[in-house]
Protein backbone atom coordinates (compact mmCIF):
# COMPACT_ATOMS: atom_id res chain seq x y z
CA MET A 1 113.83 125.51 143.62
CA VAL A 2 112.99 127.78 140.69
CA GLU A 3 116.15 126.76 138.86
CA THR A 4 115.26 123.07 139.32
CA LEU A 5 111.80 123.67 137.87
CA ILE A 6 113.25 125.51 134.88
CA VAL A 7 115.76 122.73 134.21
CA SER A 8 113.07 120.06 134.49
CA ASN A 9 110.84 121.93 132.02
CA ILE A 10 113.70 122.26 129.56
CA LEU A 11 114.45 118.55 129.82
CA LEU A 12 110.75 117.77 129.37
CA TRP A 13 110.59 119.85 126.19
CA ILE A 14 113.70 118.15 124.87
CA VAL A 15 112.07 114.75 125.45
CA VAL A 16 108.81 115.89 123.75
CA ILE A 17 110.68 117.22 120.71
CA ALA A 18 112.76 114.03 120.47
CA MET A 19 109.59 111.91 120.63
CA GLY A 20 107.97 114.06 117.95
CA VAL A 21 110.95 113.53 115.65
CA MET A 22 110.85 109.77 116.28
CA ILE A 23 107.10 109.56 115.60
CA PHE A 24 107.53 111.52 112.35
CA ALA A 25 110.31 109.14 111.27
CA LEU A 26 108.17 106.10 112.09
CA VAL A 27 105.17 107.45 110.18
CA ARG A 28 107.36 108.14 107.16
CA GLN A 29 108.83 104.63 107.31
CA ILE A 30 105.35 103.09 107.53
CA GLY A 31 104.39 105.03 104.41
CA VAL A 32 107.44 103.71 102.56
CA LEU A 33 106.65 100.13 103.61
CA TYR A 34 103.02 100.54 102.55
CA GLU A 35 104.12 101.62 99.06
CA ARG A 36 106.48 98.67 98.76
CA VAL A 37 103.99 96.00 99.83
CA ALA A 38 102.10 94.80 96.77
CA PRO A 39 98.30 94.62 97.11
CA ALA A 40 96.71 91.18 97.09
CA GLY A 41 95.26 90.57 93.65
CA ALA A 42 93.27 87.62 92.36
CA LEU A 43 95.51 84.84 91.02
CA MET A 44 94.88 84.59 87.29
CA VAL A 45 95.02 80.89 86.40
CA ASN A 46 93.36 80.17 83.07
CA GLN A 47 94.48 78.41 79.89
CA ASN A 48 91.29 79.06 77.89
CA LEU A 49 90.92 82.81 78.20
CA SER A 50 93.17 85.83 77.99
CA VAL A 51 92.54 89.36 79.22
CA GLY A 52 91.53 91.58 76.32
CA GLY A 53 90.17 88.67 74.30
CA GLU A 54 86.54 88.09 73.38
CA ALA A 55 84.52 86.31 76.06
CA PRO A 56 82.98 83.04 74.82
CA SER A 57 79.38 83.78 73.84
CA LEU A 58 76.84 81.33 75.27
CA ASP A 59 73.05 81.36 75.55
CA LEU A 60 72.11 79.39 78.65
CA GLN A 61 69.12 78.87 80.91
CA ASP A 62 69.32 79.82 84.54
CA ILE A 63 67.98 77.65 87.35
CA ASP A 64 64.48 79.09 86.79
CA GLY A 65 64.46 78.51 83.03
CA ASN A 66 65.21 82.11 82.01
CA LEU A 67 67.52 82.63 79.02
CA ILE A 68 70.81 84.27 79.97
CA THR A 69 73.44 85.41 77.47
CA ILE A 70 77.07 85.27 78.59
CA GLY A 71 79.52 87.12 76.35
CA GLY A 72 78.84 89.47 73.48
CA VAL A 73 77.89 93.13 73.76
CA PRO A 74 75.05 93.46 76.31
CA GLU A 75 72.03 95.61 75.50
CA ASN A 76 72.26 97.49 78.80
CA LYS A 77 75.96 98.31 78.17
CA LYS A 78 76.94 96.96 81.59
CA SER A 79 79.87 94.73 82.47
CA LYS A 80 79.17 91.20 83.70
CA LEU A 81 80.84 89.36 86.55
CA VAL A 82 80.45 85.59 86.29
CA PHE A 83 81.16 84.23 89.75
CA PHE A 84 81.69 80.45 89.85
CA VAL A 85 80.63 78.74 93.08
CA SER A 86 79.64 75.32 94.42
CA PRO A 87 77.33 74.24 97.26
CA THR A 88 80.19 72.07 98.56
CA CYS A 89 82.79 74.86 98.51
CA PRO A 90 83.28 76.34 102.03
CA VAL A 91 85.21 79.38 100.78
CA CYS A 92 82.40 80.16 98.35
CA LYS A 93 79.94 80.39 101.24
CA THR A 94 82.11 82.88 103.12
CA LEU A 95 82.31 85.10 100.04
CA LEU A 96 78.58 85.22 99.27
CA PRO A 97 78.05 88.29 101.52
CA VAL A 98 80.89 90.02 99.66
CA VAL A 99 79.24 89.25 96.31
CA LYS A 100 75.90 90.54 97.61
CA SER A 101 77.60 93.73 98.73
CA ALA A 102 79.26 94.13 95.31
CA LYS A 103 75.89 93.72 93.60
CA LYS A 104 74.52 96.68 95.55
CA GLY A 105 77.65 98.82 95.47
CA GLU A 106 78.50 98.33 91.79
CA LYS A 107 74.98 98.08 90.33
CA ASP A 108 75.38 101.17 88.14
CA TRP A 109 77.91 99.47 85.88
CA LEU A 110 77.91 95.78 86.77
CA ASP A 111 75.61 92.74 86.57
CA ILE A 112 76.58 89.66 88.59
CA ILE A 113 75.77 86.09 87.58
CA LEU A 114 76.39 83.06 89.77
CA ALA A 115 77.47 79.89 87.97
CA SER A 116 78.04 76.26 88.92
CA ASP A 117 77.21 72.74 87.72
CA GLY A 118 75.64 69.58 89.09
CA GLU A 119 72.16 68.60 90.25
CA HIS A 120 69.54 71.34 90.08
CA ASN A 121 67.99 70.30 93.39
CA ASP A 122 71.30 70.90 95.19
CA HIS A 123 71.45 74.40 93.78
CA LYS A 124 67.82 75.16 94.64
CA GLY A 125 68.59 74.39 98.29
CA TYR A 126 71.80 76.43 98.11
CA ILE A 127 69.93 79.43 96.70
CA SER A 128 67.26 79.19 99.38
CA GLU A 129 69.71 78.68 102.26
CA HIS A 130 71.88 81.67 101.36
CA GLU A 131 69.13 83.90 99.94
CA LEU A 132 70.60 84.18 96.46
CA GLN A 133 67.33 84.82 94.63
CA MET A 134 68.61 88.27 93.63
CA PHE A 135 71.15 86.70 91.24
CA PRO A 136 70.71 84.90 87.94
CA TYR A 137 72.03 81.41 88.79
CA ILE A 138 73.26 79.13 86.01
CA SER A 139 74.04 75.44 86.45
CA SER A 140 76.05 74.46 83.37
CA GLU A 141 79.13 72.29 82.90
CA ILE A 142 79.62 73.82 79.43
CA LEU A 143 79.98 77.30 80.92
CA GLY A 144 82.72 76.21 83.33
CA ARG A 145 84.62 74.37 80.59
CA SER A 146 84.30 77.23 78.11
CA TYR A 147 85.66 79.68 80.65
CA GLY A 148 88.51 77.41 81.77
CA VAL A 149 87.46 77.18 85.41
CA SER A 150 89.44 74.56 87.30
CA LYS A 151 89.39 75.91 90.88
CA LEU A 152 86.72 77.58 93.00
CA PRO A 153 85.74 80.20 93.81
CA TYR A 154 86.60 81.81 90.49
CA ALA A 155 85.38 84.96 88.78
CA VAL A 156 85.54 86.37 85.27
CA LEU A 157 84.81 90.04 84.62
CA ILE A 158 83.48 90.75 81.12
CA ASP A 159 83.46 94.40 80.09
CA GLU A 160 80.69 96.30 78.30
CA GLU A 161 82.20 95.39 74.92
CA GLY A 162 82.09 91.65 75.58
CA LYS A 163 85.82 91.31 76.25
CA ILE A 164 87.60 89.74 79.22
CA ALA A 165 88.57 92.60 81.54
CA SER A 166 90.04 90.54 84.38
CA MET A 167 89.69 87.15 86.07
CA GLY A 168 91.12 84.99 88.80
CA ILE A 169 90.70 82.81 91.87
CA ILE A 170 88.78 84.71 94.54
CA ASN A 171 89.55 83.96 98.18
CA SER A 172 88.78 87.34 99.77
CA ARG A 173 87.06 90.69 99.31
CA GLU A 174 90.41 92.15 98.22
CA HIS A 175 90.70 89.58 95.43
CA LEU A 176 87.24 90.46 94.11
CA GLU A 177 87.89 94.19 94.30
CA SER A 178 91.20 93.68 92.50
CA LEU A 179 89.23 92.58 89.41
CA PHE A 180 87.35 95.88 89.41
CA GLU A 181 90.59 97.80 90.00
CA SER A 182 92.31 95.98 87.12
CA LYS A 183 89.48 96.91 84.76
CA GLU A 184 89.58 100.53 85.86
CA ARG A 185 93.35 100.75 85.35
CA GLY A 186 93.28 98.83 82.07
CA VAL A 187 95.69 96.12 83.21
CA ALA A 188 95.46 92.33 83.19
CA SER A 189 95.94 92.08 86.95
CA ILE A 190 97.01 94.10 89.97
CA GLN A 191 100.27 92.14 89.98
CA ASP A 192 101.02 93.39 86.46
CA TYR A 193 100.24 96.95 87.51
CA VAL A 194 102.61 96.71 90.48
CA LYS A 195 105.40 95.30 88.28
CA SER A 196 104.88 98.06 85.73
CA TYR A 197 104.83 100.74 88.44
CA SER A 198 108.01 99.38 90.05
CA ALA A 199 109.77 99.21 86.68
CA ASN A 200 108.82 102.83 85.89
CA GLU A 201 110.07 103.97 89.30
CA LYS A 202 113.38 102.15 88.73
CA ASN A 203 113.76 103.75 85.30
CA ASP A 204 113.06 107.19 86.77
CA ASP A 205 115.71 106.64 89.45
CA LEU A 206 118.24 105.57 86.83
CA SER A 207 117.44 108.62 84.72
CA GLN A 208 117.92 110.92 87.70
CA GLU A 209 121.23 109.27 88.54
CA ALA A 210 122.39 109.65 84.95
CA GLN A 211 121.59 113.36 85.06
């Protein structure tokens, strides 16, 4: 009886150790896969602008008649995010809470401006329905053309020196945050960063093999 109990305990410990080894291997493999999967960045589609170039400087009136300057070096030394939306764009509506959250979370370094075009009355209702009074809201066809916007929702991040820091089509919170991440890392897009990182890793592996 005692011998049976001892044997069963030994077998149990063997099973526990084997499971521990398997779990460790799985966790390690998940980490490897996580490193290999590229983060979702905003798709940069624009023929008018280029990252690092000067943002087109425009003096425009917002929906309430206030003068808003887009481009150039801002007096408050903050970056500007121009987020292009439309009252008829369903994806834009789903992202408005994300933009509101970004306004609060990034307020120390970032100002956010909503932009669109069309009839002012449509935009007034849109602002009221979605409680967007906290944002400067510009309705201007010239702004969209100057910034090469062809698809919505679209965002352009202008840095504190008046240069294009990042831009792209925004379909999710991750896409919007990728613009901030690109600016912080000093790259045109997250995709470019991933390519550069992968290339550096490959070069390091080749160097190690050569040694």
